[in-house]
Amino acid sequence: MNTKTERAMLARSKPVAKPRVVALRLRILRSWQLYVLLLPLLAHVAIFQYAPMYGLQIAFKNFRASAGILGSKWVGLEHFERFFNSYSFWNTLSNTLLINLYELIFAFPIAILFALMLNQVTKLRFKKWVQTITYAPHFISTVVLVGMLFIFLNPRTGMVNNLIDLLGGERINFFGEAAWFKPIYIISEIWQTTGWSAIIYLAALTAVDPQLHEAAIMDGANKFHRVRHIDIPSIMPVIMILLILKMGHFASLGFSKVLLMQNDLNIDASEVIQTYVYKTGLVGAQYSYSAAIGLFDNLINFILLLSANQLAKKFKQQSLF
């Protein structure tokens, strides 16, 4: 082993690290302080995002607290079949998808339109005043927001019904009629989120090169032409990323708001998957059944996220991966 020939053979037998691996190691060593700062975040994701996935197996078991997760009996897809064959399946699924679809059609574009309009305002003081007014509803808690809706839409004393009565119409019991649940939810969502959602679009618009607008003005373009051919294409990557992320939560709703607005009179239009999971899981103590429904909901979101991402790539738009 000590001879020169043996040392040469040993050196040749050692695996040669790939250039990419060597470059990665060198990069980590040079910036090791940044990677140390990253460790708490990775630990948080591992503990609170991945570790709870261990409990997902109760969706395929008949979970009993006395036996624990490992000791509970496997039942396969029994809970999924029970949900698919239940009376509530199509109602909860259609309500969930419809409310999200309405939100995607109305609330999502309004934030973009609002940002484009606000970007055209030249008076800085007025612009800041509008921004403050529109941001404010975002900071109202869901409980307070729903309480305000109950006061405004009260059939006897609410200002909306007072206005309808003043104009000669008949008072409406907004929370007592199922047909009004979805419009009230969407309108209140637009009021609460438009200003806040527009922030990222306004930030993207500030990155647009002013020389593009100057050149367009020299060519005779008006404001509408500049918005259409400069502003919208410039923020399109941001729009696509937010749209794909939105599709990742398409089958999920703000659980607390729906539950607070829900009552026996509008239950046909307000029962969504999240409220159904809450009632069967926490209230009804059917943990395995509710876990199966929640897993089905997340599976829909995952499929929609991948589909939206693939469509974005197909049409050569910005995608997540």
C-alpha atoms as a PDB file:
ATOM      1  CA  MET A   1       0.000   0.000   0.000  1.00  0.00           C
ATOM      2  CA  ASN A   2       2.902   2.317   0.549  1.00  0.00           C
ATOM      3  CA  THR A   3       4.407   1.909  -2.855  1.00  0.00           C
ATOM      4  CA  LYS A   4       3.963   4.620  -5.470  1.00  0.00           C
ATOM      5  CA  THR A   5       2.065   2.280  -7.806  1.00  0.00           C
ATOM      6  CA  GLU A   6      -0.484   1.319  -5.128  1.00  0.00           C
ATOM      7  CA  ARG A   7      -1.074   4.971  -4.160  1.00  0.00           C
ATOM      8  CA  ALA A   8      -1.678   5.829  -7.814  1.00  0.00           C
ATOM      9  CA  MET A   9      -4.171   2.959  -8.169  1.00  0.00           C
ATOM     10  CA  LEU A  10      -5.973   4.073  -4.987  1.00  0.00           C
ATOM     11  CA  ALA A  11      -6.251   7.635  -6.252  1.00  0.00           C
ATOM     12  CA  ARG A  12      -7.735   6.413  -9.534  1.00  0.00           C
ATOM     13  CA  SER A  13     -10.251   4.195  -7.690  1.00  0.00           C
ATOM     14  CA  LYS A  14     -11.714   7.138  -5.673  1.00  0.00           C
ATOM     15  CA  PRO A  15     -15.016   8.477  -7.105  1.00  0.00           C
ATOM     16  CA  VAL A  16     -14.626  11.837  -8.776  1.00  0.00           C
ATOM     17  CA  ALA A  17     -17.191  14.378  -7.612  1.00  0.00           C
ATOM     18  CA  LYS A  18     -19.309  15.929 -10.371  1.00  0.00           C
ATOM     19  CA  PRO A  19     -18.639  19.592 -11.165  1.00  0.00           C
ATOM     20  CA  ARG A  20     -22.176  20.585 -10.181  1.00  0.00           C
ATOM     21  CA  VAL A  21     -21.889  18.922  -6.772  1.00  0.00           C
ATOM     22  CA  VAL A  22     -18.545  20.600  -6.156  1.00  0.00           C
ATOM     23  CA  ALA A  23     -19.936  23.975  -7.189  1.00  0.00           C
ATOM     24  CA  LEU A  24     -22.924  23.505  -4.857  1.00  0.00           C
ATOM     25  CA  ARG A  25     -20.693  22.601  -1.934  1.00  0.00           C
ATOM     26  CA  LEU A  26     -18.485  25.623  -2.555  1.00  0.00           C
ATOM     27  CA  ARG A  27     -21.515  27.892  -2.782  1.00  0.00           C
ATOM     28  CA  ILE A  28     -22.879  26.572   0.512  1.00  0.00           C
ATOM     29  CA  LEU A  29     -19.509  26.959   2.231  1.00  0.00           C
ATOM     30  CA  ARG A  30     -19.141  30.532   0.998  1.00  0.00           C
ATOM     31  CA  SER A  31     -22.633  31.543   2.183  1.00  0.00           C
ATOM     32  CA  TRP A  32     -23.027  29.224   5.168  1.00  0.00           C
ATOM     33  CA  GLN A  33     -24.462  32.056   7.298  1.00  0.00           C
ATOM     34  CA  LEU A  34     -27.492  32.343   4.992  1.00  0.00           C
ATOM     35  CA  TYR A  35     -28.107  28.606   5.123  1.00  0.00           C
ATOM     36  CA  VAL A  36     -27.979  28.697   8.924  1.00  0.00           C
ATOM     37  CA  LEU A  37     -30.685  31.384   8.856  1.00  0.00           C
ATOM     38  CA  LEU A  38     -32.712  29.097   6.592  1.00  0.00           C
ATOM     39  CA  LEU A  39     -32.696  26.227   9.107  1.00  0.00           C
ATOM     40  CA  PRO A  40     -35.508  27.549  11.392  1.00  0.00           C
ATOM     41  CA  LEU A  41     -37.778  27.991   8.367  1.00  0.00           C
ATOM     42  CA  LEU A  42     -37.065  24.463   7.154  1.00  0.00           C
ATOM     43  CA  ALA A  43     -37.700  23.143  10.664  1.00  0.00           C
ATOM     44  CA  HIS A  44     -41.010  25.025  10.804  1.00  0.00           C
ATOM     45  CA  VAL A  45     -42.120  23.576   7.457  1.00  0.00           C
ATOM     46  CA  ALA A  46     -41.057  20.054   8.469  1.00  0.00           C
ATOM     47  CA  ILE A  47     -42.789  20.180  11.863  1.00  0.00           C
ATOM     48  CA  PHE A  48     -45.993  22.009  10.993  1.00  0.00           C
ATOM     49  CA  GLN A  49     -46.474  21.170   7.293  1.00  0.00           C
ATOM     50  CA  TYR A  50     -45.088  17.671   6.750  1.00  0.00           C
ATOM     51  CA  ALA A  51     -45.263  15.979  10.173  1.00  0.00           C
ATOM     52  CA  PRO A  52     -49.089  16.356  10.399  1.00  0.00           C
ATOM     53  CA  MET A  53     -49.392  14.377   7.148  1.00  0.00           C
ATOM     54  CA  TYR A  54     -48.769  11.321   9.301  1.00  0.00           C
ATOM     55  CA  GLY A  55     -52.334  11.710  10.584  1.00  0.00           C
ATOM     56  CA  LEU A  56     -53.817  11.565   7.067  1.00  0.00           C
ATOM     57  CA  GLN A  57     -53.874   7.785   7.293  1.00  0.00           C
ATOM     58  CA  ILE A  58     -56.958   7.967   9.523  1.00  0.00           C
ATOM     59  CA  ALA A  59     -58.885   8.779   6.325  1.00  0.00           C
ATOM     60  CA  PHE A  60     -58.342   5.130   5.395  1.00  0.00           C
ATOM     61  CA  LYS A  61     -58.966   3.771   8.900  1.00  0.00           C
ATOM     62  CA  ASN A  62     -61.829   3.523  11.330  1.00  0.00           C
ATOM     63  CA  PHE A  63     -60.078   5.759  13.850  1.00  0.00           C
ATOM     64  CA  ARG A  64     -60.676   5.176  17.542  1.00  0.00           C
ATOM     65  CA  ALA A  65     -58.959   7.384  20.095  1.00  0.00           C
ATOM     66  CA  SER A  66     -58.463   4.469  22.504  1.00  0.00           C
ATOM     67  CA  ALA A  67     -56.561   2.453  19.863  1.00  0.00           C
ATOM     68  CA  GLY A  68     -54.615   5.373  18.426  1.00  0.00           C
ATOM     69  CA  ILE A  69     -53.708   5.955  14.798  1.00  0.00           C
ATOM     70  CA  LEU A  70     -51.558   2.849  14.415  1.00  0.00           C
ATOM     71  CA  GLY A  71     -53.954   0.586  16.303  1.00  0.00           C
ATOM     72  CA  SER A  72     -57.083   1.595  14.394  1.00  0.00           C
ATOM     73  CA  LYS A  73     -58.474  -0.781  11.791  1.00  0.00           C
ATOM     74  CA  TRP A  74     -57.878  -0.203   8.064  1.00  0.00           C
ATOM     75  CA  VAL A  75     -61.096   0.251   6.071  1.00  0.00           C
ATOM     76  CA  GLY A  76     -59.685   1.299   2.684  1.00  0.00           C
ATOM     77  CA  LEU A  77     -61.840   3.776   0.729  1.00  0.00           C
ATOM     78  CA  GLU A  78     -64.991   3.192   2.798  1.00  0.00           C
ATOM     79  CA  HIS A  79     -65.197   6.808   4.063  1.00  0.00           C
ATOM     80  CA  PHE A  80     -64.676   8.230   0.580  1.00  0.00           C
ATOM     81  CA  GLU A  81     -67.451   6.010  -0.824  1.00  0.00           C
ATOM     82  CA  ARG A  82     -69.725   7.054   2.029  1.00  0.00           C
ATOM     83  CA  PHE A  83     -69.171  10.725   1.204  1.00  0.00           C
ATOM     84  CA  PHE A  84     -69.638  10.247  -2.557  1.00  0.00           C
ATOM     85  CA  ASN A  85     -72.920   8.390  -1.944  1.00  0.00           C
ATOM     86  CA  SER A  86     -74.208  10.797   0.704  1.00  0.00           C
ATOM     87  CA  TYR A  87     -77.061  13.230   0.169  1.00  0.00           C
ATOM     88  CA  SER A  88     -74.773  16.187   0.947  1.00  0.00           C
ATOM     89  CA  PHE A  89     -72.065  15.392  -1.624  1.00  0.00           C
ATOM     90  CA  TRP A  90     -73.362  17.194  -4.718  1.00  0.00           C
ATOM     91  CA  ASN A  91     -74.785  20.080  -2.721  1.00  0.00           C
ATOM     92  CA  THR A  92     -71.577  20.818  -0.813  1.00  0.00           C
ATOM     93  CA  LEU A  93     -69.363  20.292  -3.858  1.00  0.00           C
ATOM     94  CA  SER A  94     -71.471  22.504  -6.139  1.00  0.00           C
ATOM     95  CA  ASN A  95     -71.722  25.258  -3.511  1.00  0.00           C
ATOM     96  CA  THR A  96     -67.963  25.200  -2.954  1.00  0.00           C
ATOM     97  CA  LEU A  97     -67.098  25.295  -6.647  1.00  0.00           C
ATOM     98  CA  LEU A  98     -69.739  27.891  -7.550  1.00  0.00           C
ATOM     99  CA  ILE A  99     -68.735  30.361  -4.844  1.00  0.00           C
ATOM    100  CA  ASN A 100     -65.079  30.032  -5.835  1.00  0.00           C
ATOM    101  CA  LEU A 101     -65.959  30.375  -9.515  1.00  0.00           C
ATOM    102  CA  TYR A 102     -67.941  33.564  -8.869  1.00  0.00           C
ATOM    103  CA  GLU A 103     -65.069  34.891  -6.798  1.00  0.00           C
ATOM    104  CA  LEU A 104     -62.628  34.104  -9.605  1.00  0.00           C
ATOM    105  CA  ILE A 105     -64.854  35.752 -12.237  1.00  0.00           C
ATOM    106  CA  PHE A 106     -65.729  38.908 -10.298  1.00  0.00           C
ATOM    107  CA  ALA A 107     -63.278  39.525  -7.432  1.00  0.00           C
ATOM    108  CA  PHE A 108     -60.034  38.562  -9.181  1.00  0.00           C
ATOM    109  CA  PRO A 109     -60.321  40.867 -12.242  1.00  0.00           C
ATOM    110  CA  ILE A 110     -61.693  43.787 -10.197  1.00  0.00           C
ATOM    111  CA  ALA A 111     -58.440  44.017  -8.231  1.00  0.00           C
ATOM    112  CA  ILE A 112     -56.467  44.195 -11.491  1.00  0.00           C
ATOM    113  CA  LEU A 113     -58.816  46.782 -12.952  1.00  0.00           C
ATOM    114  CA  PHE A 114     -58.657  48.846  -9.772  1.00  0.00           C
ATOM    115  CA  ALA A 115     -54.834  48.801  -9.795  1.00  0.00           C
ATOM    116  CA  LEU A 116     -54.730  49.866 -13.462  1.00  0.00           C
ATOM    117  CA  MET A 117     -57.137  52.744 -12.789  1.00  0.00           C
ATOM    118  CA  LEU A 118     -55.335  53.860  -9.661  1.00  0.00           C
ATOM    119  CA  ASN A 119     -52.027  53.798 -11.527  1.00  0.00           C
ATOM    120  CA  GLN A 120     -53.390  56.437 -13.901  1.00  0.00           C
ATOM    121  CA  VAL A 121     -54.124  58.885 -11.073  1.00  0.00           C
ATOM    122  CA  THR A 122     -51.542  61.649 -11.135  1.00  0.00           C
ATOM    123  CA  LYS A 123     -52.558  63.517  -7.970  1.00  0.00           C
ATOM    124  CA  LEU A 124     -50.488  61.790  -5.291  1.00  0.00           C
ATOM    125  CA  ARG A 125     -52.571  62.982  -2.339  1.00  0.00           C
ATOM    126  CA  PHE A 126     -55.828  61.704  -3.821  1.00  0.00           C
ATOM    127  CA  LYS A 127     -54.143  58.433  -4.763  1.00  0.00           C
ATOM    128  CA  LYS A 128     -52.966  57.834  -1.189  1.00  0.00           C
ATOM    129  CA  TRP A 129     -56.421  58.702   0.157  1.00  0.00           C
ATOM    130  CA  VAL A 130     -58.066  56.160  -2.160  1.00  0.00           C
ATOM    131  CA  GLN A 131     -55.488  53.530  -1.253  1.00  0.00           C
ATOM    132  CA  THR A 132     -56.090  54.032   2.463  1.00  0.00           C
ATOM    133  CA  ILE A 133     -59.857  53.838   2.071  1.00  0.00           C
ATOM    134  CA  THR A 134     -59.664  50.627   0.040  1.00  0.00           C
ATOM    135  CA  TYR A 135     -57.043  48.931   2.232  1.00  0.00           C
ATOM    136  CA  ALA A 136     -58.983  49.515   5.450  1.00  0.00           C
ATOM    137  CA  PRO A 137     -61.637  46.760   5.031  1.00  0.00           C
ATOM    138  CA  HIS A 138     -58.873  44.147   4.838  1.00  0.00           C
ATOM    139  CA  PHE A 139     -58.041  44.767   8.496  1.00  0.00           C
ATOM    140  CA  ILE A 140     -61.598  44.223   9.696  1.00  0.00           C
ATOM    141  CA  SER A 141     -61.942  40.834  11.382  1.00  0.00           C
ATOM    142  CA  THR A 142     -64.323  38.309   9.881  1.00  0.00           C
ATOM    143  CA  VAL A 143     -66.573  38.370  12.954  1.00  0.00           C
ATOM    144  CA  VAL A 144     -66.938  42.157  12.802  1.00  0.00           C
ATOM    145  CA  LEU A 145     -67.481  42.066   9.039  1.00  0.00           C
ATOM    146  CA  VAL A 146     -70.310  39.542   9.287  1.00  0.00           C
ATOM    147  CA  GLY A 147     -71.791  41.541  12.160  1.00  0.00           C
ATOM    148  CA  MET A 148     -71.784  44.642   9.950  1.00  0.00           C
ATOM    149  CA  LEU A 149     -73.509  42.682   7.195  1.00  0.00           C
ATOM    150  CA  PHE A 150     -76.240  41.590   9.607  1.00  0.00           C
ATOM    151  CA  ILE A 151     -76.790  45.214  10.665  1.00  0.00           C
ATOM    152  CA  PHE A 152     -76.753  46.672   7.140  1.00  0.00           C
ATOM    153  CA  LEU A 153     -79.022  43.952   5.719  1.00  0.00           C
ATOM    154  CA  ASN A 154     -81.456  43.680   8.603  1.00  0.00           C
ATOM    155  CA  PRO A 155     -84.952  43.269   7.085  1.00  0.00           C
ATOM    156  CA  ARG A 156     -86.522  45.860   9.454  1.00  0.00           C
ATOM    157  CA  THR A 157     -83.805  48.329  10.467  1.00  0.00           C
ATOM    158  CA  GLY A 158     -80.981  47.772   7.943  1.00  0.00           C
ATOM    159  CA  MET A 159     -80.019  50.745   5.792  1.00  0.00           C
ATOM    160  CA  VAL A 160     -80.170  48.662   2.598  1.00  0.00           C
ATOM    161  CA  ASN A 161     -83.774  47.659   3.251  1.00  0.00           C
ATOM    162  CA  ASN A 162     -84.593  51.219   4.315  1.00  0.00           C
ATOM    163  CA  LEU A 163     -83.309  52.413   0.960  1.00  0.00           C
ATOM    164  CA  ILE A 164     -85.312  49.743  -0.893  1.00  0.00           C
ATOM    165  CA  ASP A 165     -88.419  50.751   1.063  1.00  0.00           C
ATOM    166  CA  LEU A 166     -87.781  54.430   0.290  1.00  0.00           C
ATOM    167  CA  LEU A 167     -87.603  53.626  -3.419  1.00  0.00           C
ATOM    168  CA  GLY A 168     -90.920  51.797  -3.246  1.00  0.00           C
ATOM    169  CA  GLY A 169     -89.632  48.219  -3.180  1.00  0.00           C
ATOM    170  CA  GLU A 170     -90.362  45.375  -0.803  1.00  0.00           C
ATOM    171  CA  ARG A 171     -88.029  44.635   2.062  1.00  0.00           C
ATOM    172  CA  ILE A 172     -85.819  41.553   1.567  1.00  0.00           C
ATOM    173  CA  ASN A 173     -84.732  39.040   4.185  1.00  0.00           C
ATOM    174  CA  PHE A 174     -81.217  38.672   2.754  1.00  0.00           C
ATOM    175  CA  PHE A 175     -79.974  36.085   5.250  1.00  0.00           C
ATOM    176  CA  GLY A 176     -83.285  34.238   5.264  1.00  0.00           C
ATOM    177  CA  GLU A 177     -83.314  33.435   1.546  1.00  0.00           C
ATOM    178  CA  ALA A 178     -80.806  30.936   0.153  1.00  0.00           C
ATOM    179  CA  ALA A 179     -80.645  32.700  -3.235  1.00  0.00           C
ATOM    180  CA  TRP A 180     -79.037  35.768  -1.638  1.00  0.00           C
ATOM    181  CA  PHE A 181     -76.185  33.958   0.129  1.00  0.00           C
ATOM    182  CA  LYS A 182     -73.740  33.751  -2.779  1.00  0.00           C
ATOM    183  CA  PRO A 183     -74.201  37.377  -3.988  1.00  0.00           C
ATOM    184  CA  ILE A 184     -73.767  38.695  -0.434  1.00  0.00           C
ATOM    185  CA  TYR A 185     -70.647  36.596   0.066  1.00  0.00           C
ATOM    186  CA  ILE A 186     -69.051  37.692  -3.240  1.00  0.00           C
ATOM    187  CA  ILE A 187     -69.908  41.397  -2.842  1.00  0.00           C
ATOM    188  CA  SER A 188     -68.568  41.497   0.715  1.00  0.00           C
ATOM    189  CA  GLU A 189     -65.446  39.638  -0.421  1.00  0.00           C
ATOM    190  CA  ILE A 190     -64.852  42.189  -3.190  1.00  0.00           C
ATOM    191  CA  TRP A 191     -65.330  45.064  -0.745  1.00  0.00           C
ATOM    192  CA  GLN A 192     -62.898  43.565   1.759  1.00  0.00           C
ATOM    193  CA  THR A 193     -60.114  42.294  -0.535  1.00  0.00           C
ATOM    194  CA  THR A 194     -59.955  44.512  -3.637  1.00  0.00           C
ATOM    195  CA  GLY A 195     -57.725  47.225  -2.165  1.00  0.00           C
ATOM    196  CA  TRP A 196     -55.373  44.756  -0.522  1.00  0.00           C
ATOM    197  CA  SER A 197     -55.118  42.493  -3.574  1.00  0.00           C
ATOM    198  CA  ALA A 198     -54.304  45.491  -5.782  1.00  0.00           C
ATOM    199  CA  ILE A 199     -51.087  46.200  -3.869  1.00  0.00           C
ATOM    200  CA  ILE A 200     -49.033  43.619  -5.728  1.00  0.00           C
ATOM    201  CA  TYR A 201     -50.322  44.818  -9.117  1.00  0.00           C
ATOM    202  CA  LEU A 202     -49.487  48.426  -8.236  1.00  0.00           C
ATOM    203  CA  ALA A 203     -46.002  47.293  -7.224  1.00  0.00           C
ATOM    204  CA  ALA A 204     -45.615  45.498 -10.557  1.00  0.00           C
ATOM    205  CA  LEU A 205     -46.813  48.596 -12.444  1.00  0.00           C
ATOM    206  CA  THR A 206     -44.108  50.735 -10.831  1.00  0.00           C
ATOM    207  CA  ALA A 207     -41.523  48.516 -12.560  1.00  0.00           C
ATOM    208  CA  VAL A 208     -42.811  49.416 -16.035  1.00  0.00           C
ATOM    209  CA  ASP A 209     -40.215  51.408 -17.944  1.00  0.00           C
ATOM    210  CA  PRO A 210     -41.443  55.062 -18.300  1.00  0.00           C
ATOM    211  CA  GLN A 211     -39.672  55.291 -21.665  1.00  0.00           C
ATOM    212  CA  LEU A 212     -42.234  52.853 -23.091  1.00  0.00           C
ATOM    213  CA  HIS A 213     -45.041  55.257 -22.173  1.00  0.00           C
ATOM    214  CA  GLU A 214     -43.094  58.241 -23.520  1.00  0.00           C
ATOM    215  CA  ALA A 215     -42.512  56.470 -26.835  1.00  0.00           C
ATOM    216  CA  ALA A 216     -46.188  55.471 -27.013  1.00  0.00           C
ATOM    217  CA  ILE A 217     -47.285  59.079 -26.355  1.00  0.00           C
ATOM    218  CA  MET A 218     -44.991  60.258 -29.125  1.00  0.00           C
ATOM    219  CA  ASP A 219     -46.709  57.757 -31.433  1.00  0.00           C
ATOM    220  CA  GLY A 220     -50.119  59.168 -30.527  1.00  0.00           C
ATOM    221  CA  ALA A 221     -51.307  56.491 -28.078  1.00  0.00           C
ATOM    222  CA  ASN A 222     -53.933  57.555 -25.552  1.00  0.00           C
ATOM    223  CA  LYS A 223     -54.269  56.229 -21.971  1.00  0.00           C
ATOM    224  CA  PHE A 224     -56.428  53.281 -22.965  1.00  0.00           C
ATOM    225  CA  HIS A 225     -53.930  52.186 -25.621  1.00  0.00           C
ATOM    226  CA  ARG A 226     -51.020  52.460 -23.164  1.00  0.00           C
ATOM    227  CA  VAL A 227     -52.865  50.433 -20.527  1.00  0.00           C
ATOM    228  CA  ARG A 228     -53.769  47.786 -23.068  1.00  0.00           C
ATOM    229  CA  HIS A 229     -50.430  47.463 -24.850  1.00  0.00           C
ATOM    230  CA  ILE A 230     -47.926  48.377 -22.104  1.00  0.00           C
ATOM    231  CA  ASP A 231     -49.343  48.038 -18.576  1.00  0.00           C
ATOM    232  CA  ILE A 232     -51.319  44.807 -18.945  1.00  0.00           C
ATOM    233  CA  PRO A 233     -48.561  42.872 -20.804  1.00  0.00           C
ATOM    234  CA  SER A 234     -46.027  44.118 -18.221  1.00  0.00           C
ATOM    235  CA  ILE A 235     -47.971  42.742 -15.251  1.00  0.00           C
ATOM    236  CA  MET A 236     -49.195  39.600 -17.034  1.00  0.00           C
ATOM    237  CA  PRO A 237     -46.530  37.342 -15.382  1.00  0.00           C
ATOM    238  CA  VAL A 238     -47.711  38.519 -11.955  1.00  0.00           C
ATOM    239  CA  ILE A 239     -51.347  37.937 -12.933  1.00  0.00           C
ATOM    240  CA  MET A 240     -50.589  34.414 -14.108  1.00  0.00           C
ATOM    241  CA  ILE A 241     -48.676  33.497 -10.944  1.00  0.00           C
ATOM    242  CA  LEU A 242     -51.480  34.788  -8.710  1.00  0.00           C
ATOM    243  CA  LEU A 243     -54.072  33.023 -10.858  1.00  0.00           C
ATOM    244  CA  ILE A 244     -52.227  29.702 -10.560  1.00  0.00           C
ATOM    245  CA  LEU A 245     -51.916  30.162  -6.793  1.00  0.00           C
ATOM    246  CA  LYS A 246     -55.601  31.003  -6.668  1.00  0.00           C
ATOM    247  CA  MET A 247     -56.409  27.763  -8.467  1.00  0.00           C
ATOM    248  CA  GLY A 248     -54.441  25.939  -5.786  1.00  0.00           C
ATOM    249  CA  HIS A 249     -57.090  27.052  -3.269  1.00  0.00           C
ATOM    250  CA  PHE A 250     -60.022  26.889  -5.657  1.00  0.00           C
ATOM    251  CA  ALA A 251     -61.956  24.261  -3.701  1.00  0.00           C
ATOM    252  CA  SER A 252     -61.281  25.971  -0.366  1.00  0.00           C
ATOM    253  CA  LEU A 253     -63.180  28.889   1.094  1.00  0.00           C
ATOM    254  CA  GLY A 254     -62.876  31.184   4.054  1.00  0.00           C
ATOM    255  CA  PHE A 255     -64.346  28.707   6.527  1.00  0.00           C
ATOM    256  CA  SER A 256     -65.090  31.146   9.354  1.00  0.00           C
ATOM    257  CA  LYS A 257     -66.948  33.663   7.183  1.00  0.00           C
ATOM    258  CA  VAL A 258     -69.199  31.033   5.595  1.00  0.00           C
ATOM    259  CA  LEU A 259     -69.950  29.477   8.977  1.00  0.00           C
ATOM    260  CA  LEU A 260     -70.821  32.838  10.541  1.00  0.00           C
ATOM    261  CA  MET A 261     -73.127  33.772   7.650  1.00  0.00           C
ATOM    262  CA  GLN A 262     -74.783  30.366   7.653  1.00  0.00           C
ATOM    263  CA  ASN A 263     -78.178  29.595   9.192  1.00  0.00           C
ATOM    264  CA  ASP A 264     -80.950  27.030   8.758  1.00  0.00           C
ATOM    265  CA  LEU A 265     -82.745  29.156   6.164  1.00  0.00           C
ATOM    266  CA  ASN A 266     -79.797  29.473   3.746  1.00  0.00           C
ATOM    267  CA  ILE A 267     -78.110  26.128   4.464  1.00  0.00           C
ATOM    268  CA  ASP A 268     -78.860  24.785   0.960  1.00  0.00           C
ATOM    269  CA  ALA A 269     -76.718  27.523  -0.599  1.00  0.00           C
ATOM    270  CA  SER A 270     -74.138  27.963   2.166  1.00  0.00           C
ATOM    271  CA  GLU A 271     -73.085  24.421   3.023  1.00  0.00           C
ATOM    272  CA  VAL A 272     -69.555  24.018   1.613  1.00  0.00           C
ATOM    273  CA  ILE A 273     -66.941  21.308   2.064  1.00  0.00           C
ATOM    274  CA  GLN A 274     -65.089  23.146   4.845  1.00  0.00           C
ATOM    275  CA  THR A 275     -68.194  23.691   6.989  1.00  0.00           C
ATOM    276  CA  TYR A 276     -69.282  20.101   6.350  1.00  0.00           C
ATOM    277  CA  VAL A 277     -65.867  18.840   7.499  1.00  0.00           C
ATOM    278  CA  TYR A 278     -66.147  20.972  10.651  1.00  0.00           C
ATOM    279  CA  LYS A 279     -69.608  19.640  11.488  1.00  0.00           C
ATOM    280  CA  THR A 280     -68.803  15.989  10.862  1.00  0.00           C
ATOM    281  CA  GLY A 281     -65.305  16.069  12.343  1.00  0.00           C
ATOM    282  CA  LEU A 282     -65.222  18.367  15.349  1.00  0.00           C
ATOM    283  CA  VAL A 283     -68.946  18.529  16.159  1.00  0.00           C
ATOM    284  CA  GLY A 284     -69.930  14.989  15.167  1.00  0.00           C
ATOM    285  CA  ALA A 285     -66.613  13.361  16.241  1.00  0.00           C
ATOM    286  CA  GLN A 286     -66.412  11.416  12.936  1.00  0.00           C
ATOM    287  CA  TYR A 287     -62.693  12.008  12.559  1.00  0.00           C
ATOM    288  CA  SER A 288     -61.948   9.469   9.827  1.00  0.00           C
ATOM    289  CA  TYR A 289     -64.926  10.544   7.732  1.00  0.00           C
ATOM    290  CA  SER A 290     -64.029  14.240   7.982  1.00  0.00           C
ATOM    291  CA  ALA A 291     -60.353  13.465   7.231  1.00  0.00           C
ATOM    292  CA  ALA A 292     -61.424  11.658   4.048  1.00  0.00           C
ATOM    293  CA  ILE A 293     -63.529  14.653   2.953  1.00  0.00           C
ATOM    294  CA  GLY A 294     -60.678  17.056   3.693  1.00  0.00           C
ATOM    295  CA  LEU A 295     -58.248  14.877   1.745  1.00  0.00           C
ATOM    296  CA  PHE A 296     -60.650  14.810  -1.211  1.00  0.00           C
ATOM    297  CA  ASP A 297     -60.842  18.623  -1.075  1.00  0.00           C
ATOM    298  CA  ASN A 298     -57.057  18.956  -1.066  1.00  0.00           C
ATOM    299  CA  LEU A 299     -56.772  16.486  -3.934  1.00  0.00           C
ATOM    300  CA  ILE A 300     -59.075  18.669  -6.055  1.00  0.00           C
ATOM    301  CA  ASN A 301     -56.935  21.717  -5.253  1.00  0.00           C
ATOM    302  CA  PHE A 302     -53.758  19.847  -6.175  1.00  0.00           C
ATOM    303  CA  ILE A 303     -55.165  18.690  -9.526  1.00  0.00           C
ATOM    304  CA  LEU A 304     -56.408  22.200 -10.349  1.00  0.00           C
ATOM    305  CA  LEU A 305     -53.033  23.698  -9.441  1.00  0.00           C
ATOM    306  CA  LEU A 306     -51.168  21.301 -11.743  1.00  0.00           C
ATOM    307  CA  SER A 307     -53.706  21.805 -14.550  1.00  0.00           C
ATOM    308  CA  ALA A 308     -53.485  25.605 -14.329  1.00  0.00           C
ATOM    309  CA  ASN A 309     -49.703  25.444 -14.308  1.00  0.00           C
ATOM    310  CA  GLN A 310     -49.636  23.174 -17.371  1.00  0.00           C
ATOM    311  CA  LEU A 311     -52.082  25.422 -19.229  1.00  0.00           C
ATOM    312  CA  ALA A 312     -49.890  28.434 -18.463  1.00  0.00           C
ATOM    313  CA  LYS A 313     -46.873  26.602 -19.862  1.00  0.00           C
ATOM    314  CA  LYS A 314     -48.823  25.494 -22.917  1.00  0.00           C
ATOM    315  CA  PHE A 315     -49.806  29.074 -23.729  1.00  0.00           C
ATOM    316  CA  LYS A 316     -46.233  30.224 -22.993  1.00  0.00           C
ATOM    317  CA  GLN A 317     -47.210  32.254 -19.946  1.00  0.00           C
ATOM    318  CA  GLN A 318     -45.474  32.536 -16.594  1.00  0.00           C
ATOM    319  CA  SER A 319     -45.722  29.295 -14.595  1.00  0.00           C
ATOM    320  CA  LEU A 320     -44.728  28.148 -11.130  1.00  0.00           C
ATOM    321  CA  PHE A 321     -42.549  25.231 -12.272  1.00  0.00           C
END
